[in-house]
Structure formats: C-alpha cells, structure tokens
C-alpha cells in the first residue's frame, strides 16, 4: 500500500512537472518574485545568514521555472525499503535583483525578482519590422535566348521587387535606380566629399539592410530521341547587406527551368508540345514571388543586435522604431555575476532606444561597448 501511494505521488508530480515545463517553454523568460528565509544562529556571522536566505530565494525561483523529479528506492539496514523523491530545478536563473531585505532577532528574509528560463534559439517566434533599401537590380541574358526574353527579365525582376515592397514587416527605401557600390560608400567620408556635401549620397543606415537582386537567363537544348527541347534556365539571386558596413548578411537564390519550344519530324506531336507565352510566364512569376517571400521571411526573422553606449547615466542603443524595437522589449548581454544581464526597453525613438537593467545595482559603465541582443516584446 505504501509503495502504491508513493508511485501515485510520483506520477502526479511528474504530470505537474511536464505541464509546468510546457507552460514555461512557451516563453523564453519569466519574471518571478520569491522570498528566501534563513535562521540566524547565535554564533553566526550575519553575512552567512544573508547568503543562505538569498540562496533559498534563488532556489525557489528556479523551481518556479519548472522542476525535474526523480525517484529512487533505498534499502535500510533492517531490509525495509525507503522511497525517495529528488526535486531539481529544470530552468536557469539568468539574472536577478534584490527587492527588499529584512532582519529580525531570529531570521533574515530576502525578497528577489528573478529572470528565469532558457535562452534558446526558437526559430522565428518574434518577427520584427526591418528597414530595407532596395538598390538597382542586375540582369544577365544569354545572347542566344529569344528576343522576347528581355521583356520577360524585366517583368520577373519587377515581380521580385514588387513582392518585397508589399511585405507587411518591411520598412522600404527605394534606391532601385542607384547602383550599390559598397567600396565607394565605405571609403568615402561624407565630411570631405563634394557629392555628399552638395547633393548627398544615398546610404543605408546603421541597423538597416540593403538588397541587390539579380536575374540571369540562359537557353538550353536537349535531344530526346528524334525530338529536341529548348528550355530557359532562370536563376534568381538576392544578396542582403548590413547597413553602414555593407557586409553580407545572407543571400537567397532560386533556379527554375521553363520549356518554351520543341521540334521533331512529327508535326502533330510538335503542335501538342507547343507552349503559349502565358503558360511559360505564369509559373516564372510564381517563382519570382516565392523568391521574394524567402527573402522577406528570412529578413524579418533576423536577430536584432547592437552595441551599448552609456551616455549621461543612461543605457542607449542606436536602434529604434524603424528597426522593430518595441517598448518593454527585452534584451540580454553577457553578465559577470550572473549568466546574463537582462534589460528592458524604457523609451523608443525613431533611431534610438533607452534601456533599464533588471538589476538596479548594476554598474552601468561596465555595459559600455558591450554587444546586446533583443529578444522581443513581453
């Protein structure tokens, strides 16, 4: 009977643990307030009591983030079986701050607020607005291709650009008539450049992205038996660069083959295999839209990273609304006393955000120049 009761308790605890773990897995980070207590021994240093109270509060916070429960049996010297449960935290305390401390004659009590969870790459759970500059596309056509392919190339590249422009999470700047010259933009200092000082150079800002799409069309002929088949090989390619540095962030490419002509000794078969121009163009336009969707989906899922600057006692990053930063969004940097420093967006401007750390006692100057990654709004 005793053994049955133990296994029922273990089963209920395991179910509770799974449900709790699933609930907490939905969010990357949870904020939890817990209170730790420790008895003050007569001969004990007060710092030891305070440390034990803090450890108690941190342990309770970790348990709130989920628990692993294991059971085992132990045989005593009188051959009786003793059942045991071992409860271990399944989550990690990323950062914490002490809210209050209280000392009485017998106890030391500490209340803390903790950031508990696991920083895992969960794919694209938090899509964010991205600012993108589209530069002049590149078109390359095989001279042996039919003459109407030139107009087809224009139609396809316009299909790619139009789809990107219509994406809901893209803040677009249209530079499609300007050729992107990364080397010139990087080497030119606007303070001493005539064009920059007079008419201005079109640059991609820090935190934004630049896109250059290209399309190449070539012709291929295959002979099967007595019949030859002429196909167009269309290759879409788009490169995305990070603003101001113009370093390659990622690229997407897509290739499709379209049959446009066939011939052989049998007239009837030739007529059956003949394709109309609309039959050729329609699947190519679909491919152009799919290529654009691949680009925008990848772009809006990119992690938002920046560098911290501490100015006038405030934590600033040069990213704002145009970069998808939202009020109360969370961000992390590498910590010293804890695995991470958790920060929250307190103010958002167009191109700048001000953050506050979870730990109010953190020395802000230590954050200056550190890299920071945003996690999304909570």
Foldseek 3Di string as FASTA:
>chain_A
DVVVVVVVVVVVVVVVQVVLLVVLVVDAKDKDKFKFKFWDDPPDDVVVQVVNRVVRRQQVVLVSSGWDKDKDWDQDPVRDIDIDIDIHRPKFFFDKAWDDWDDDPTMTMTMMMTIIHHDDCPFQPFFFAAEEEEAAEAEAEDPVDDPCVVVLQVVLVVLLVVLLVPDPRYRYDYNRVHDDDLVCLLPDDLVPDPCCVPVRDDFFAALHKYKYKYKYWYWDWDDDPFKIWIKIKIKIKMWMAGGPNRHTPDMDMDIDIFTAAMDGDDPVVRVVPHDDPCVRSVVSSVVSSVRSVVVVVVVSRDWRKFAWAQDPNWTKTQAFVNNRDDFQWWKWFQDDVGRIWIWGFHDGDHGMTTIDTNHNPDDVVVRHGTMMITDHHD
